[in-house]
Amino acid sequence: MPEATTLLAAWGVALLITGVLDAWWLGSMARQFYRRALAPWMAEPVRWQPAALFYLGYPLALVLLALTPWPEDGTTAAWRSALAGLMAYGTYDLTNLATVRGWPRRLAPVDMAWGTVASAAAGWGAWMVMT
């Protein structure tokens, strides 16, 4: 297992990659898609404290669950991280589909795919920088 400073640095890299990718995705690429799909449920203004908790905690979970034990290669890091992303985003999306009346069905596959790709990139990037 990597030492604490390596894990902390990996968390920092995963945090940076996750933040940059999500800012790009939510700020430009998928902004209107999410607005149209989630209009009835969107908070105005955005509640930044819960968002900050997610963006600080998710990369930590990614490092501890997907990158520990430390993978031998970047492909393994990316696959493990992708699986963690699929499960994390899938938990959110599929639970909402199961429990929230009117939750848009088209949102789940897009959001789950995004979570998978973004998580794979963050895990691979953290592995690359730390290796």
N, C-alpha and C. Protein backbone atom coordinates (compact mmCIF):
# COMPACT_ATOMS: atom_id res chain seq x y z
N MET A 1 0.85 -1.18 0.00
CA MET A 1 0.00 0.00 0.00
C MET A 1 0.89 1.24 0.00
N PRO A 2 0.53 2.21 -0.81
CA PRO A 2 1.33 3.43 -0.84
C PRO A 2 1.29 4.15 0.52
N GLU A 3 2.29 4.95 0.76
CA GLU A 3 2.31 5.71 2.00
C GLU A 3 1.27 6.82 1.97
N ALA A 4 1.00 7.40 3.12
CA ALA A 4 -0.06 8.40 3.26
C ALA A 4 0.16 9.61 2.36
N THR A 5 1.42 10.04 2.21
CA THR A 5 1.66 11.21 1.36
C THR A 5 1.35 10.91 -0.10
N THR A 6 1.61 9.69 -0.54
CA THR A 6 1.28 9.29 -1.91
C THR A 6 -0.23 9.27 -2.11
N LEU A 7 -0.96 8.72 -1.14
CA LEU A 7 -2.42 8.70 -1.24
C LEU A 7 -3.00 10.10 -1.21
N LEU A 8 -2.43 10.97 -0.38
CA LEU A 8 -2.90 12.35 -0.32
C LEU A 8 -2.65 13.07 -1.65
N ALA A 9 -1.49 12.85 -2.22
CA ALA A 9 -1.19 13.46 -3.51
C ALA A 9 -2.10 12.90 -4.61
N ALA A 10 -2.36 11.59 -4.57
CA ALA A 10 -3.27 10.97 -5.54
C ALA A 10 -4.66 11.56 -5.40
N TRP A 11 -5.11 11.77 -4.16
CA TRP A 11 -6.41 12.42 -3.92
C TRP A 11 -6.42 13.82 -4.54
N GLY A 12 -5.35 14.57 -4.35
CA GLY A 12 -5.28 15.92 -4.92
C GLY A 12 -5.37 15.91 -6.44
N VAL A 13 -4.69 14.97 -7.07
CA VAL A 13 -4.75 14.87 -8.53
C VAL A 13 -6.15 14.45 -8.98
N ALA A 14 -6.73 13.46 -8.30
CA ALA A 14 -8.09 13.02 -8.64
C ALA A 14 -9.09 14.14 -8.42
N LEU A 15 -8.92 14.91 -7.36
CA LEU A 15 -9.77 16.07 -7.08
C LEU A 15 -9.68 17.09 -8.21
N LEU A 16 -8.48 17.40 -8.62
CA LEU A 16 -8.27 18.37 -9.70
C LEU A 16 -8.91 17.88 -11.00
N ILE A 17 -8.65 16.64 -11.37
CA ILE A 17 -9.19 16.10 -12.62
C ILE A 17 -10.71 16.05 -12.57
N THR A 18 -11.26 15.56 -11.47
CA THR A 18 -12.72 15.49 -11.32
C THR A 18 -13.33 16.88 -11.41
N GLY A 19 -12.74 17.83 -10.72
CA GLY A 19 -13.26 19.21 -10.73
C GLY A 19 -13.22 19.84 -12.11
N VAL A 20 -12.10 19.70 -12.79
CA VAL A 20 -11.96 20.28 -14.14
C VAL A 20 -12.93 19.61 -15.12
N LEU A 21 -12.98 18.29 -15.10
CA LEU A 21 -13.87 17.59 -16.03
C LEU A 21 -15.33 17.91 -15.76
N ASP A 22 -15.74 17.91 -14.50
CA ASP A 22 -17.15 18.21 -14.20
C ASP A 22 -17.49 19.66 -14.50
N ALA A 23 -16.56 20.58 -14.25
CA ALA A 23 -16.81 21.98 -14.60
C ALA A 23 -17.04 22.11 -16.11
N TRP A 24 -16.23 21.42 -16.88
CA TRP A 24 -16.39 21.44 -18.34
C TRP A 24 -17.71 20.79 -18.74
N TRP A 25 -18.00 19.61 -18.20
CA TRP A 25 -19.19 18.85 -18.56
C TRP A 25 -20.46 19.60 -18.15
N LEU A 26 -20.54 20.00 -16.89
CA LEU A 26 -21.75 20.64 -16.40
C LEU A 26 -21.85 22.10 -16.82
N GLY A 27 -20.71 22.72 -17.06
CA GLY A 27 -20.71 24.13 -17.43
C GLY A 27 -20.94 24.40 -18.89
N SER A 28 -20.63 23.42 -19.74
CA SER A 28 -20.80 23.69 -21.18
C SER A 28 -21.42 22.54 -21.94
N MET A 29 -20.81 21.37 -21.88
CA MET A 29 -21.24 20.27 -22.74
C MET A 29 -22.66 19.79 -22.46
N ALA A 30 -23.00 19.59 -21.21
CA ALA A 30 -24.30 18.98 -20.88
C ALA A 30 -25.21 19.92 -20.09
N ARG A 31 -24.86 21.17 -20.03
CA ARG A 31 -25.62 22.13 -19.21
C ARG A 31 -27.10 22.13 -19.55
N GLN A 32 -27.45 22.31 -20.80
CA GLN A 32 -28.86 22.38 -21.19
C GLN A 32 -29.56 21.04 -21.03
N PHE A 33 -28.85 19.95 -21.28
CA PHE A 33 -29.43 18.62 -21.11
C PHE A 33 -29.90 18.42 -19.67
N TYR A 34 -29.04 18.73 -18.71
CA TYR A 34 -29.40 18.57 -17.31
C TYR A 34 -30.49 19.57 -16.90
N ARG A 35 -30.39 20.79 -17.39
CA ARG A 35 -31.42 21.80 -17.06
C ARG A 35 -32.80 21.34 -17.53
N ARG A 36 -32.88 20.87 -18.76
CA ARG A 36 -34.18 20.41 -19.28
C ARG A 36 -34.67 19.19 -18.52
N ALA A 37 -33.77 18.25 -18.25
CA ALA A 37 -34.17 17.00 -17.59
C ALA A 37 -34.54 17.21 -16.13
N LEU A 38 -33.86 18.12 -15.46
CA LEU A 38 -34.02 18.25 -14.01
C LEU A 38 -34.71 19.53 -13.57
N ALA A 39 -35.25 20.30 -14.48
CA ALA A 39 -35.85 21.60 -14.15
C ALA A 39 -36.77 21.55 -12.93
N PRO A 40 -37.67 20.58 -12.82
CA PRO A 40 -38.57 20.59 -11.66
C PRO A 40 -37.86 20.37 -10.31
N TRP A 41 -36.66 19.82 -10.34
CA TRP A 41 -35.97 19.47 -9.11
C TRP A 41 -34.74 20.33 -8.82
N MET A 42 -34.39 21.22 -9.72
CA MET A 42 -33.16 22.00 -9.55
C MET A 42 -33.31 23.07 -8.47
N ALA A 43 -32.27 23.17 -7.64
CA ALA A 43 -32.23 24.21 -6.61
C ALA A 43 -31.72 25.49 -7.23
N GLU A 44 -32.35 26.57 -6.92
CA GLU A 44 -31.89 27.89 -7.35
C GLU A 44 -31.79 28.76 -6.12
N PRO A 45 -30.64 29.22 -5.77
CA PRO A 45 -29.34 28.95 -6.38
C PRO A 45 -28.82 27.57 -5.99
N VAL A 46 -27.73 27.17 -6.63
CA VAL A 46 -27.08 25.89 -6.33
C VAL A 46 -26.64 25.91 -4.87
N ARG A 47 -26.82 24.80 -4.20
CA ARG A 47 -26.35 24.65 -2.81
C ARG A 47 -24.90 24.15 -2.85
N TRP A 48 -23.97 25.06 -2.59
CA TRP A 48 -22.55 24.77 -2.78
C TRP A 48 -21.96 23.88 -1.71
N GLN A 49 -22.50 23.89 -0.48
CA GLN A 49 -21.91 23.05 0.57
C GLN A 49 -22.04 21.56 0.25
N PRO A 50 -23.22 21.05 -0.12
CA PRO A 50 -23.28 19.63 -0.48
C PRO A 50 -22.41 19.31 -1.70
N ALA A 51 -22.35 20.23 -2.66
CA ALA A 51 -21.50 20.01 -3.83
C ALA A 51 -20.04 19.90 -3.41
N ALA A 52 -19.61 20.77 -2.51
CA ALA A 52 -18.22 20.74 -2.04
C ALA A 52 -17.92 19.42 -1.32
N LEU A 53 -18.88 18.94 -0.51
CA LEU A 53 -18.68 17.66 0.17
C LEU A 53 -18.50 16.53 -0.83
N PHE A 54 -19.31 16.54 -1.89
CA PHE A 54 -19.15 15.51 -2.92
C PHE A 54 -17.79 15.61 -3.59
N TYR A 55 -17.42 16.81 -4.02
CA TYR A 55 -16.18 16.96 -4.78
C TYR A 55 -14.93 16.74 -3.94
N LEU A 56 -15.03 16.88 -2.63
CA LEU A 56 -13.90 16.54 -1.75
C LEU A 56 -13.89 15.04 -1.44
N GLY A 57 -15.08 14.47 -1.22
CA GLY A 57 -15.17 13.08 -0.80
C GLY A 57 -15.06 12.07 -1.91
N TYR A 58 -15.63 12.36 -3.07
CA TYR A 58 -15.63 11.37 -4.14
C TYR A 58 -14.22 11.01 -4.61
N PRO A 59 -13.33 11.97 -4.86
CA PRO A 59 -11.97 11.58 -5.26
C PRO A 59 -11.24 10.79 -4.17
N LEU A 60 -11.54 11.08 -2.91
CA LEU A 60 -10.94 10.30 -1.83
C LEU A 60 -11.42 8.85 -1.89
N ALA A 61 -12.73 8.66 -2.07
CA ALA A 61 -13.27 7.31 -2.19
C ALA A 61 -12.67 6.60 -3.41
N LEU A 62 -12.52 7.33 -4.49
CA LEU A 62 -11.94 6.76 -5.70
C LEU A 62 -10.52 6.25 -5.44
N VAL A 63 -9.72 7.06 -4.78
CA VAL A 63 -8.34 6.66 -4.48
C VAL A 63 -8.32 5.48 -3.52
N LEU A 64 -9.13 5.54 -2.47
CA LEU A 64 -9.08 4.47 -1.46
C LEU A 64 -9.72 3.17 -1.94
N LEU A 65 -10.77 3.26 -2.75
CA LEU A 65 -11.46 2.05 -3.18
C LEU A 65 -10.95 1.49 -4.51
N ALA A 66 -10.61 2.36 -5.45
CA ALA A 66 -10.20 1.89 -6.77
C ALA A 66 -8.68 1.77 -6.92
N LEU A 67 -7.94 2.56 -6.18
CA LEU A 67 -6.48 2.57 -6.36
C LEU A 67 -5.73 1.94 -5.19
N THR A 68 -6.44 1.31 -4.29
CA THR A 68 -5.81 0.62 -3.17
C THR A 68 -6.30 -0.82 -3.17
N PRO A 69 -5.45 -1.81 -3.30
CA PRO A 69 -4.00 -1.69 -3.41
C PRO A 69 -3.60 -1.01 -4.73
N TRP A 70 -2.45 -0.39 -4.69
CA TRP A 70 -1.97 0.39 -5.83
C TRP A 70 -1.83 -0.51 -7.05
N PRO A 71 -2.48 -0.15 -8.16
CA PRO A 71 -2.42 -0.99 -9.37
C PRO A 71 -1.02 -1.03 -9.97
N GLU A 72 -0.73 -2.14 -10.63
CA GLU A 72 0.55 -2.30 -11.31
C GLU A 72 0.65 -1.46 -12.57
N ASP A 73 -0.50 -1.16 -13.19
CA ASP A 73 -0.47 -0.44 -14.47
C ASP A 73 -1.66 0.51 -14.57
N GLY A 74 -1.56 1.44 -15.52
CA GLY A 74 -2.60 2.45 -15.72
C GLY A 74 -3.92 1.89 -16.20
N THR A 75 -3.86 0.81 -16.97
CA THR A 75 -5.10 0.20 -17.45
C THR A 75 -5.92 -0.33 -16.29
N THR A 76 -5.28 -0.99 -15.35
CA THR A 76 -5.98 -1.49 -14.17
C THR A 76 -6.54 -0.33 -13.35
N ALA A 77 -5.76 0.73 -13.19
CA ALA A 77 -6.23 1.91 -12.46
C ALA A 77 -7.48 2.49 -13.13
N ALA A 78 -7.45 2.59 -14.45
CA ALA A 78 -8.60 3.15 -15.18
C ALA A 78 -9.82 2.25 -15.07
N TRP A 79 -9.65 0.94 -15.23
CA TRP A 79 -10.79 0.02 -15.14
C TRP A 79 -11.41 0.01 -13.76
N ARG A 80 -10.56 -0.05 -12.73
CA ARG A 80 -11.09 -0.03 -11.35
C ARG A 80 -11.83 1.27 -11.08
N SER A 81 -11.26 2.37 -11.52
CA SER A 81 -11.89 3.68 -11.32
C SER A 81 -13.18 3.80 -12.12
N ALA A 82 -13.19 3.26 -13.33
CA ALA A 82 -14.41 3.28 -14.14
C ALA A 82 -15.52 2.50 -13.45
N LEU A 83 -15.19 1.33 -12.90
CA LEU A 83 -16.19 0.53 -12.20
C LEU A 83 -16.72 1.27 -10.97
N ALA A 84 -15.82 1.91 -10.22
CA ALA A 84 -16.26 2.69 -9.06
C ALA A 84 -17.19 3.82 -9.50
N GLY A 85 -16.86 4.48 -10.61
CA GLY A 85 -17.72 5.55 -11.12
C GLY A 85 -19.07 5.05 -11.58
N LEU A 86 -19.06 3.92 -12.29
CA LEU A 86 -20.33 3.34 -12.74
C LEU A 86 -21.22 3.02 -11.55
N MET A 87 -20.65 2.45 -10.51
CA MET A 87 -21.44 2.08 -9.34
C MET A 87 -21.89 3.31 -8.55
N ALA A 88 -21.04 4.29 -8.40
CA ALA A 88 -21.41 5.49 -7.64
C ALA A 88 -22.51 6.27 -8.36
N TYR A 89 -22.29 6.55 -9.63
CA TYR A 89 -23.29 7.30 -10.39
C TYR A 89 -24.53 6.45 -10.63
N GLY A 90 -24.34 5.15 -10.79
CA GLY A 90 -25.48 4.26 -10.94
C GLY A 90 -26.34 4.21 -9.70
N THR A 91 -25.72 4.23 -8.53
CA THR A 91 -26.49 4.25 -7.29
C THR A 91 -27.39 5.47 -7.25
N TYR A 92 -26.85 6.62 -7.57
CA TYR A 92 -27.63 7.86 -7.59
C TYR A 92 -28.76 7.78 -8.63
N ASP A 93 -28.41 7.48 -9.85
CA ASP A 93 -29.38 7.52 -10.94
C ASP A 93 -30.45 6.44 -10.82
N LEU A 94 -30.05 5.22 -10.51
CA LEU A 94 -31.02 4.13 -10.44
C LEU A 94 -31.91 4.25 -9.21
N THR A 95 -31.35 4.75 -8.11
CA THR A 95 -32.19 5.01 -6.93
C THR A 95 -33.23 6.07 -7.24
N ASN A 96 -32.82 7.13 -7.93
CA ASN A 96 -33.79 8.17 -8.30
C ASN A 96 -34.84 7.62 -9.26
N LEU A 97 -34.44 6.79 -10.21
CA LEU A 97 -35.42 6.18 -11.10
C LEU A 97 -36.42 5.32 -10.33
N ALA A 98 -35.94 4.67 -9.28
CA ALA A 98 -36.79 3.79 -8.49
C ALA A 98 -37.70 4.55 -7.53
N THR A 99 -37.27 5.73 -7.07
CA THR A 99 -38.00 6.36 -5.96
C THR A 99 -38.58 7.74 -6.25
N VAL A 100 -38.14 8.41 -7.29
CA VAL A 100 -38.62 9.77 -7.56
C VAL A 100 -39.60 9.74 -8.73
N ARG A 101 -40.83 10.11 -8.44
CA ARG A 101 -41.86 10.13 -9.48
C ARG A 101 -41.46 11.13 -10.57
N GLY A 102 -41.50 10.67 -11.81
CA GLY A 102 -41.21 11.55 -12.94
C GLY A 102 -39.74 11.73 -13.25
N TRP A 103 -38.87 11.01 -12.55
CA TRP A 103 -37.43 11.16 -12.83
C TRP A 103 -37.18 10.76 -14.29
N PRO A 104 -36.49 11.61 -15.05
CA PRO A 104 -36.32 11.33 -16.49
C PRO A 104 -35.46 10.10 -16.77
N ARG A 105 -36.02 9.16 -17.50
CA ARG A 105 -35.30 7.92 -17.83
C ARG A 105 -34.07 8.17 -18.69
N ARG A 106 -34.12 9.17 -19.54
CA ARG A 106 -32.98 9.43 -20.43
C ARG A 106 -31.76 9.97 -19.69
N LEU A 107 -31.97 10.45 -18.47
CA LEU A 107 -30.87 11.02 -17.70
C LEU A 107 -29.91 9.94 -17.19
N ALA A 108 -30.45 8.83 -16.73
CA ALA A 108 -29.63 7.79 -16.08
C ALA A 108 -28.49 7.29 -16.97
N PRO A 109 -28.74 6.84 -18.19
CA PRO A 109 -27.60 6.31 -18.96
C PRO A 109 -26.55 7.37 -19.29
N VAL A 110 -26.98 8.59 -19.54
CA VAL A 110 -26.01 9.66 -19.84
C VAL A 110 -25.17 9.96 -18.62
N ASP A 111 -25.82 10.12 -17.47
CA ASP A 111 -25.10 10.46 -16.25
C ASP A 111 -24.20 9.31 -15.80
N MET A 112 -24.67 8.08 -15.93
CA MET A 112 -23.85 6.93 -15.56
C MET A 112 -22.64 6.79 -16.48
N ALA A 113 -22.84 7.04 -17.77
CA ALA A 113 -21.71 6.98 -18.70
C ALA A 113 -20.70 8.07 -18.36
N TRP A 114 -21.20 9.28 -18.07
CA TRP A 114 -20.29 10.37 -17.71
C TRP A 114 -19.52 10.02 -16.44
N GLY A 115 -20.20 9.52 -15.41
CA GLY A 115 -19.52 9.16 -14.17
C GLY A 115 -18.46 8.10 -14.38
N THR A 116 -18.73 7.17 -15.27
CA THR A 116 -17.77 6.11 -15.58
C THR A 116 -16.53 6.68 -16.26
N VAL A 117 -16.74 7.52 -17.26
CA VAL A 117 -15.62 8.11 -18.01
C VAL A 117 -14.81 9.06 -17.14
N ALA A 118 -15.50 9.95 -16.42
CA ALA A 118 -14.80 10.93 -15.58
C ALA A 118 -14.01 10.23 -14.47
N SER A 119 -14.59 9.20 -13.88
CA SER A 119 -13.90 8.47 -12.82
C SER A 119 -12.69 7.72 -13.37
N ALA A 120 -12.83 7.12 -14.53
CA ALA A 120 -11.69 6.43 -15.16
C ALA A 120 -10.56 7.42 -15.42
N ALA A 121 -10.90 8.59 -15.92
CA ALA A 121 -9.88 9.61 -16.20
C ALA A 121 -9.20 10.08 -14.91
N ALA A 122 -9.99 10.30 -13.87
CA ALA A 122 -9.43 10.78 -12.60
C ALA A 122 -8.53 9.70 -11.97
N GLY A 123 -8.98 8.46 -11.98
CA GLY A 123 -8.16 7.38 -11.42
C GLY A 123 -6.89 7.14 -12.21
N TRP A 124 -7.03 7.14 -13.54
CA TRP A 124 -5.85 6.95 -14.39
C TRP A 124 -4.87 8.11 -14.20
N GLY A 125 -5.40 9.34 -14.18
CA GLY A 125 -4.54 10.51 -14.00
C GLY A 125 -3.82 10.50 -12.67
N ALA A 126 -4.52 10.14 -11.61
CA ALA A 126 -3.89 10.05 -10.30
C ALA A 126 -2.80 8.98 -10.31
N TRP A 127 -3.09 7.85 -10.93
CA TRP A 127 -2.10 6.77 -11.02
C TRP A 127 -0.86 7.24 -11.80
N MET A 128 -1.11 7.90 -12.94
CA MET A 128 0.00 8.35 -13.81
C MET A 128 0.92 9.33 -13.07
N VAL A 129 0.33 10.28 -12.42
CA VAL A 129 1.12 11.31 -11.72
C VAL A 129 1.90 10.70 -10.56
N MET A 130 1.29 9.73 -9.89
CA MET A 130 1.91 9.17 -8.70
C MET A 130 2.87 8.02 -9.00
N THR A 131 2.90 7.55 -10.22
CA THR A 131 3.75 6.39 -10.54
C THR A 131 5.05 6.80 -11.15
